[in-house]
Amino acid sequence: MKKIYLTLLLAAFSLSGAMAQVSMDDINAQGASFGNEMKTQSLDADFVSDAKLRADRIAKRKEHNTVDFSANLHGSLTAYSKSWQAAGDNTVTVLASLNFKHIYKKNKFTLTNTASAKFGYNNMKTQLENGDNRGVWFKNVDEIVLATAPQWDMVRNWTYGANVKFRTQFAPGYGARGDKQNGIGRVSNFMTPGYLDASLGFTYVLPSEKFPLKVNLAPAAMSATYRHDQYTLKDYGVPAGYTSKYEGGLSVQLDFDKTWGKDGWLRYRTTAYSFYGWITDLSAMKKFVPTELEDGTMSKYEHVVPTLRWENTIDIKATKYISTQIYFQLYYNKAEYHALQVSSMLSVGLTYTFKNK
């Protein structure tokens, strides 16, 4: 047994000696190859900063642009059964409104664009001339307003520029409930009336965050009235046979928009606009010349008294999506109607507001 171990030990010693005699020079490395499967790509400085540039562009857009949007849907429903002990009529009221305001400001230039729309319908039983007593839908609120005001800074708190405002309505309107069903003509329609007010002048902004008042004084102003539907019962001061009337004069406008509370639970907006026309036919650039009437009196032009329009809106938020809105408007235009016109409304319903600042 000892001889077997001795023999194995001598064989292992001989093999290790033979392997030790092999050097690195005897290895042929000509067939060896090395590879790198990792892909490389050179990055340029512009590529590295692209994300930062996009972020900078977004920040600049937000800095130059202010957006304010709100939408409201208000309504009410009242229903009575025939057996109800007290008299009552079923009524349905729906009112929708949209308000949009966009302000772009860069250096000394400011562009303010606004758009608003209101439309309301209600349904109530009415006794018609043919004896029917049924629910009749009647439009009670209808208005479209578009405005733009490019302004340039002049001196501290003063700017100069233009103000353009257009107003009309969506659908035909009637003087009383049931007029349409009784065959009585409409009193208004789309672009009947339509109003276009344009002015050039100066605007003063009160330097107070607690009382953000703007006063626009325009020594050069134009007021246009349109009556495209010749079948309406009212002419809105447009001469017979004409679809429009243009006047030149001067105008004054006051704007106030203030929000209270951290969440903006209370907001009050008001606009007062007055126009005094002293050029009655802007296309001919002539003043009104009084003429003697059949009764011996002299004719008078209807717009000697200034036109006045004062709008007030109060928004009260109960929650993020439920609010109460109070709207009051005072309007005087002697060419249309000799008495003061007043409209007021209180509604409760859903609301949505978006602001980027």
Protein backbone atom coordinates (compact mmCIF):
# COMPACT_ATOMS: atom_id res chain seq x y z
CA MET A 1 0.00 0.00 0.00
CA LYS A 2 2.88 2.34 0.76
CA LYS A 3 4.31 1.61 -2.71
CA ILE A 4 1.07 2.77 -4.36
CA TYR A 5 1.10 6.11 -2.47
CA LEU A 6 4.78 6.60 -3.37
CA THR A 7 4.11 5.93 -7.05
CA LEU A 8 1.21 8.49 -7.15
CA LEU A 9 3.35 11.10 -5.42
CA LEU A 10 6.17 10.74 -7.97
CA ALA A 11 3.69 10.97 -10.88
CA ALA A 12 2.15 14.22 -9.53
CA PHE A 13 5.61 15.70 -9.02
CA SER A 14 6.62 14.91 -12.63
CA LEU A 15 3.42 16.47 -14.04
CA SER A 16 3.83 19.72 -12.13
CA GLY A 17 7.37 20.06 -13.39
CA ALA A 18 6.27 19.63 -16.97
CA MET A 19 3.54 22.34 -16.59
CA ALA A 20 6.02 24.73 -15.01
CA GLN A 21 8.15 24.56 -18.19
CA VAL A 22 5.29 26.13 -20.28
CA SER A 23 5.81 29.97 -20.59
CA MET A 24 3.52 32.81 -21.74
CA ASP A 25 5.61 33.03 -24.92
CA ASP A 26 4.27 29.64 -25.96
CA ILE A 27 0.62 30.89 -25.91
CA ASN A 28 -0.68 31.97 -29.30
CA ALA A 29 -3.01 34.96 -28.76
CA GLN A 30 -3.50 35.73 -32.45
CA GLY A 31 -6.96 34.17 -32.47
CA ALA A 32 -8.23 35.97 -29.33
CA SER A 33 -10.79 38.75 -29.73
CA PHE A 34 -12.26 41.24 -27.29
CA GLY A 35 -15.65 43.01 -27.70
CA ASN A 36 -17.57 45.84 -26.00
CA GLU A 37 -21.32 45.51 -26.25
CA MET A 38 -22.08 48.78 -24.38
CA LYS A 39 -23.48 51.52 -26.67
CA THR A 40 -22.16 55.05 -26.28
CA GLN A 41 -23.76 58.32 -27.35
CA SER A 42 -22.35 61.79 -27.18
CA LEU A 43 -24.58 64.36 -25.37
CA ASP A 44 -24.59 67.92 -26.47
CA ALA A 45 -25.13 70.84 -24.09
CA ASP A 46 -28.40 71.83 -25.78
CA PHE A 47 -29.84 68.35 -25.22
CA VAL A 48 -28.89 68.40 -21.57
CA SER A 49 -30.62 71.78 -20.98
CA ASP A 50 -33.78 71.08 -23.05
CA ALA A 51 -35.85 70.17 -20.01
CA LYS A 52 -34.75 73.33 -18.25
CA LEU A 53 -35.61 75.41 -21.31
CA ARG A 54 -39.11 73.93 -21.41
CA ALA A 55 -39.58 74.70 -17.75
CA ASP A 56 -38.38 78.26 -18.33
CA ARG A 57 -40.81 78.74 -21.23
CA ILE A 58 -43.73 77.51 -19.10
CA ALA A 59 -42.71 79.83 -16.27
CA LYS A 60 -42.51 82.80 -18.65
CA ARG A 61 -45.92 82.03 -20.14
CA LYS A 62 -47.39 81.90 -16.66
CA GLU A 63 -45.63 85.14 -15.78
CA HIS A 64 -46.99 86.96 -18.86
CA ASN A 65 -50.48 85.40 -18.88
CA THR A 66 -53.23 85.53 -16.27
CA VAL A 67 -56.35 83.42 -16.87
CA ASP A 68 -59.59 83.57 -14.89
CA PHE A 69 -62.52 81.34 -15.86
CA SER A 70 -65.79 80.56 -14.09
CA ALA A 71 -68.95 78.67 -15.06
CA ASN A 72 -72.26 78.62 -13.21
CA LEU A 73 -75.39 76.51 -13.57
CA HIS A 74 -78.25 77.62 -11.37
CA GLY A 75 -81.85 76.46 -11.31
CA SER A 76 -84.98 75.78 -9.34
CA LEU A 77 -87.98 73.45 -9.58
CA THR A 78 -91.36 73.80 -7.91
CA ALA A 79 -94.09 71.16 -8.34
CA TYR A 80 -97.58 70.77 -6.85
CA SER A 81 -100.09 67.95 -7.07
CA LYS A 82 -103.68 68.64 -8.15
CA SER A 83 -104.83 67.89 -4.62
CA TRP A 84 -102.54 70.46 -3.04
CA GLN A 85 -104.52 72.54 -0.54
CA ALA A 86 -103.11 75.90 -1.63
CA ALA A 87 -103.05 77.18 -5.18
CA GLY A 88 -99.74 76.84 -6.94
CA ASP A 89 -98.26 76.49 -10.41
CA ASN A 90 -95.41 74.19 -11.40
CA THR A 91 -92.34 76.21 -12.38
CA VAL A 92 -88.89 75.40 -13.74
CA THR A 93 -86.04 77.92 -13.92
CA VAL A 94 -82.60 77.35 -15.44
CA LEU A 95 -79.76 79.86 -15.69
CA ALA A 96 -76.29 79.23 -17.14
CA SER A 97 -73.42 81.73 -17.22
CA LEU A 98 -69.79 81.77 -18.33
CA ASN A 99 -67.08 84.33 -17.54
CA PHE A 100 -63.59 84.37 -19.07
CA LYS A 101 -60.76 86.85 -18.57
CA HIS A 102 -57.26 86.72 -20.03
CA ILE A 103 -54.53 89.28 -19.37
CA TYR A 104 -51.27 89.27 -21.32
CA LYS A 105 -48.53 91.58 -20.06
CA LYS A 106 -45.04 92.03 -21.40
CA ASN A 107 -42.84 95.01 -20.64
CA LYS A 108 -45.03 98.11 -21.15
CA PHE A 109 -47.79 96.39 -23.15
CA THR A 110 -50.94 94.86 -21.66
CA LEU A 111 -53.76 93.13 -23.54
CA THR A 112 -56.97 92.30 -21.67
CA ASN A 113 -59.59 90.07 -23.31
CA THR A 114 -62.90 89.22 -21.66
CA ALA A 115 -65.93 87.19 -22.68
CA SER A 116 -69.15 86.48 -20.83
CA ALA A 117 -72.44 84.84 -21.64
CA LYS A 118 -75.71 84.46 -19.74
CA PHE A 119 -78.79 82.52 -20.77
CA GLY A 120 -81.86 81.77 -18.68
CA TYR A 121 -85.25 80.14 -19.33
CA ASN A 122 -88.24 79.51 -17.10
CA ASN A 123 -91.46 77.58 -17.52
CA MET A 124 -94.75 78.61 -15.96
CA LYS A 125 -98.44 78.07 -16.70
CA THR A 126 -100.03 80.79 -18.83
CA GLN A 127 -103.59 81.43 -20.01
CA LEU A 128 -103.40 81.77 -23.80
CA GLU A 129 -105.89 83.61 -26.01
CA ASN A 130 -107.22 80.33 -27.41
CA GLY A 131 -108.23 79.22 -23.91
CA ASP A 132 -105.33 76.85 -23.29
CA ASN A 133 -103.74 76.93 -19.85
CA ARG A 134 -100.34 75.30 -20.16
CA GLY A 135 -96.70 75.75 -19.30
CA VAL A 136 -94.86 78.16 -21.57
CA TRP A 137 -91.08 78.55 -21.77
CA PHE A 138 -90.00 82.18 -21.57
CA LYS A 139 -86.52 83.70 -21.92
CA ASN A 140 -85.65 86.06 -19.10
CA VAL A 141 -81.84 86.36 -19.31
CA ASP A 142 -79.87 86.49 -22.56
CA GLU A 143 -76.59 88.29 -23.20
CA ILE A 144 -73.26 87.88 -25.00
CA VAL A 145 -70.39 90.29 -24.24
CA LEU A 146 -66.96 90.31 -25.91
CA ALA A 147 -64.32 92.93 -25.08
CA THR A 148 -60.67 93.66 -25.76
CA ALA A 149 -58.42 96.41 -24.42
CA PRO A 150 -54.81 96.86 -25.65
CA GLN A 151 -52.93 99.30 -23.39
CA TRP A 152 -49.42 100.75 -23.15
CA ASP A 153 -47.82 102.15 -20.00
CA MET A 154 -47.41 105.89 -20.07
CA VAL A 155 -46.46 107.20 -16.63
CA ARG A 156 -47.01 105.78 -13.18
CA ASN A 157 -50.55 104.34 -12.86
CA TRP A 158 -51.54 105.76 -16.27
CA THR A 159 -51.86 103.91 -19.58
CA TYR A 160 -53.14 104.83 -23.03
CA GLY A 161 -54.84 102.63 -25.57
CA ALA A 162 -58.19 101.41 -26.86
CA ASN A 163 -61.30 99.74 -25.48
CA VAL A 164 -63.66 97.75 -27.71
CA LYS A 165 -66.81 96.02 -26.44
CA PHE A 166 -69.52 94.16 -28.36
CA ARG A 167 -72.89 93.07 -26.93
CA THR A 168 -75.84 91.11 -28.30
CA GLN A 169 -77.99 88.07 -27.46
CA PHE A 170 -78.56 84.46 -28.52
CA ALA A 171 -82.26 83.97 -29.21
CA PRO A 172 -85.47 85.88 -30.03
CA GLY A 173 -87.15 87.66 -27.13
CA TYR A 174 -90.77 88.62 -26.51
CA GLY A 175 -92.37 91.34 -24.47
CA ALA A 176 -94.47 89.02 -22.32
CA ARG A 177 -95.06 85.35 -21.65
CA GLY A 178 -97.35 83.82 -24.27
CA ASP A 179 -96.71 86.48 -26.95
CA LYS A 180 -95.12 83.93 -29.27
CA GLN A 181 -98.00 81.47 -28.82
CA ASN A 182 -100.56 84.26 -29.30
CA GLY A 183 -98.94 85.44 -32.54
CA ILE A 184 -97.50 88.69 -31.17
CA GLY A 185 -94.20 89.69 -32.74
CA ARG A 186 -90.81 89.53 -31.06
CA VAL A 187 -89.08 92.55 -29.58
CA SER A 188 -85.46 91.36 -29.93
CA ASN A 189 -83.26 88.84 -31.72
CA PHE A 190 -79.61 88.07 -32.44
CA MET A 191 -77.93 91.37 -33.47
CA THR A 192 -81.22 93.14 -32.74
CA PRO A 193 -80.14 94.99 -30.84
CA GLY A 194 -76.38 94.67 -31.16
CA TYR A 195 -74.04 97.23 -29.64
CA LEU A 196 -70.43 98.07 -30.48
CA ASP A 197 -68.55 100.56 -28.29
CA ALA A 198 -65.01 101.60 -29.25
CA SER A 199 -62.88 104.31 -27.71
CA LEU A 200 -59.37 105.75 -27.56
CA GLY A 201 -58.19 107.33 -24.37
CA PHE A 202 -56.40 107.04 -21.06
CA THR A 203 -56.81 104.66 -18.12
CA TYR A 204 -55.89 105.35 -14.51
CA VAL A 205 -55.35 102.38 -12.17
CA LEU A 206 -55.73 103.15 -8.48
CA PRO A 207 -52.51 101.99 -6.72
CA SER A 208 -54.29 100.03 -4.01
CA GLU A 209 -54.80 96.27 -3.71
CA LYS A 210 -57.66 96.85 -1.28
CA PHE A 211 -59.54 99.02 -3.77
CA PRO A 212 -58.64 97.90 -7.34
CA LEU A 213 -60.43 100.59 -9.36
CA LYS A 214 -59.82 101.44 -13.02
CA VAL A 215 -61.04 104.67 -14.62
CA ASN A 216 -61.03 105.04 -18.41
CA LEU A 217 -61.44 108.49 -19.97
CA ALA A 218 -61.93 108.45 -23.74
CA PRO A 219 -62.23 111.81 -25.55
CA ALA A 220 -62.64 109.93 -28.86
CA ALA A 221 -65.37 107.30 -28.75
CA MET A 222 -67.87 105.61 -31.04
CA SER A 223 -71.16 103.91 -30.24
CA ALA A 224 -72.90 101.75 -32.84
CA THR A 225 -76.37 100.19 -32.62
CA TYR A 226 -77.47 97.37 -34.95
CA ARG A 227 -80.94 96.19 -35.87
CA HIS A 228 -80.60 93.40 -38.41
CA ASP A 229 -84.05 91.93 -37.78
CA GLN A 230 -86.42 94.45 -39.36
CA TYR A 231 -89.49 92.56 -38.08
CA THR A 232 -88.94 93.33 -34.40
CA LEU A 233 -91.46 95.63 -32.75
CA LYS A 234 -88.74 97.93 -31.39
CA ASP A 235 -86.35 100.00 -33.52
CA TYR A 236 -83.76 100.70 -30.72
CA GLY A 237 -83.17 104.19 -32.10
CA VAL A 238 -82.11 102.98 -35.55
CA PRO A 239 -83.87 105.03 -38.29
CA ALA A 240 -86.51 103.24 -40.38
CA GLY A 241 -85.03 101.40 -43.34
CA TYR A 242 -81.54 101.21 -41.78
CA THR A 243 -79.84 98.32 -40.02
CA SER A 244 -77.28 100.33 -38.05
CA LYS A 245 -76.52 103.71 -36.54
CA TYR A 246 -73.10 105.14 -35.65
CA GLU A 247 -72.44 107.98 -33.25
CA GLY A 248 -69.29 109.81 -32.23
CA GLY A 249 -68.62 111.38 -28.85
CA LEU A 250 -66.82 110.71 -25.60
CA SER A 251 -67.09 108.01 -22.94
CA VAL A 252 -66.19 107.23 -19.33
CA GLN A 253 -65.87 103.73 -17.84
CA LEU A 254 -65.20 102.52 -14.28
CA ASP A 255 -64.20 98.92 -13.47
CA PHE A 256 -63.86 97.28 -10.07
CA ASP A 257 -63.09 93.61 -9.33
CA LYS A 258 -62.30 92.50 -5.78
CA THR A 259 -62.09 89.06 -4.11
CA TRP A 260 -62.13 88.47 -0.36
CA GLY A 261 -61.03 85.48 1.71
CA LYS A 262 -58.25 82.94 1.31
CA ASP A 263 -60.44 80.72 -0.86
CA GLY A 264 -62.12 83.64 -2.62
CA TRP A 265 -65.48 83.02 -0.97
CA LEU A 266 -66.72 86.54 -1.85
CA ARG A 267 -66.22 88.41 -5.12
CA TYR A 268 -67.70 91.72 -6.26
CA ARG A 269 -67.47 92.97 -9.84
CA THR A 270 -68.92 96.20 -11.17
CA THR A 271 -68.70 98.15 -14.42
CA ALA A 272 -70.19 101.58 -15.06
CA TYR A 273 -70.14 102.92 -18.63
CA SER A 274 -71.44 106.23 -19.94
CA PHE A 275 -71.40 107.59 -23.49
CA TYR A 276 -72.31 111.06 -24.68
CA GLY A 277 -72.85 111.34 -28.42
CA TRP A 278 -72.38 114.69 -30.10
CA ILE A 279 -71.84 113.47 -33.68
CA THR A 280 -75.11 111.81 -34.67
CA ASP A 281 -74.05 110.59 -38.11
CA LEU A 282 -70.47 109.42 -37.91
CA SER A 283 -70.31 108.39 -41.56
CA ALA A 284 -71.19 111.92 -42.69
CA MET A 285 -69.41 113.61 -39.73
CA LYS A 286 -72.30 116.00 -39.16
CA LYS A 287 -74.32 117.10 -36.17
CA PHE A 288 -78.06 116.85 -35.82
CA VAL A 289 -79.92 119.84 -37.25
CA PRO A 290 -83.30 120.44 -35.58
CA THR A 291 -86.25 120.77 -37.96
CA GLU A 292 -89.72 122.17 -37.41
CA LEU A 293 -92.41 119.52 -36.89
CA GLU A 294 -96.06 119.69 -37.97
CA ASP A 295 -97.15 120.93 -34.56
CA GLY A 296 -94.70 123.83 -34.76
CA THR A 297 -92.17 122.40 -32.29
CA MET A 298 -88.55 121.64 -33.11
CA SER A 299 -87.37 118.07 -33.36
CA LYS A 300 -84.91 116.88 -30.75
CA TYR A 301 -82.28 114.24 -31.09
CA GLU A 302 -82.77 111.35 -28.68
CA HIS A 303 -79.15 111.05 -27.50
CA VAL A 304 -78.74 114.48 -25.98
CA VAL A 305 -78.95 112.68 -22.62
CA PRO A 306 -75.93 110.36 -22.04
CA THR A 307 -76.32 106.61 -22.26
CA LEU A 308 -75.63 104.85 -18.94
CA ARG A 309 -75.06 101.17 -18.16
CA TRP A 310 -74.16 99.95 -14.66
CA GLU A 311 -73.66 96.22 -13.94
CA ASN A 312 -73.01 94.57 -10.56
CA THR A 313 -72.25 90.92 -9.81
CA ILE A 314 -71.74 89.41 -6.35
CA ASP A 315 -70.54 85.79 -6.07
CA ILE A 316 -70.74 84.06 -2.68
CA LYS A 317 -69.21 80.58 -2.41
CA ALA A 318 -70.73 78.19 0.10
CA THR A 319 -68.40 75.35 -0.97
CA LYS A 320 -65.96 74.82 -3.80
CA TYR A 321 -68.76 73.91 -6.21
CA ILE A 322 -71.87 75.59 -4.75
CA SER A 323 -72.41 79.34 -4.85
CA THR A 324 -74.95 82.12 -4.72
CA GLN A 325 -74.93 84.89 -7.33
CA ILE A 326 -76.62 88.30 -7.07
CA TYR A 327 -76.83 90.35 -10.26
CA PHE A 328 -78.10 93.92 -10.61
CA GLN A 329 -78.14 96.07 -13.75
CA LEU A 330 -79.24 99.65 -14.33
CA TYR A 331 -79.58 100.84 -17.94
CA TYR A 332 -80.68 104.13 -19.47
CA ASN A 333 -80.83 104.84 -23.19
CA LYS A 334 -83.32 107.53 -24.15
CA ALA A 335 -83.25 106.55 -27.83
CA GLU A 336 -84.64 103.13 -26.89
CA TYR A 337 -86.85 103.86 -23.91
CA HIS A 338 -87.58 107.06 -21.97
CA ALA A 339 -87.66 105.40 -18.55
CA LEU A 340 -84.84 103.92 -16.50
CA GLN A 341 -84.49 100.16 -17.00
CA VAL A 342 -83.60 97.98 -13.99
CA SER A 343 -82.91 94.25 -13.79
CA SER A 344 -82.03 92.15 -10.73
CA MET A 345 -81.55 88.44 -10.12
CA LEU A 346 -80.61 86.08 -7.27
CA SER A 347 -79.69 82.47 -7.99
CA VAL A 348 -78.11 79.48 -6.22
CA GLY A 349 -76.44 76.53 -7.92
CA LEU A 350 -73.28 74.85 -9.15
CA THR A 351 -70.12 76.75 -9.98
CA TYR A 352 -66.62 76.01 -11.32
CA THR A 353 -63.68 78.38 -11.13
CA PHE A 354 -60.19 78.16 -12.62
CA LYS A 355 -57.27 80.54 -12.05
CA ASN A 356 -53.66 80.06 -13.05
CA LYS A 357 -52.42 82.49 -10.38
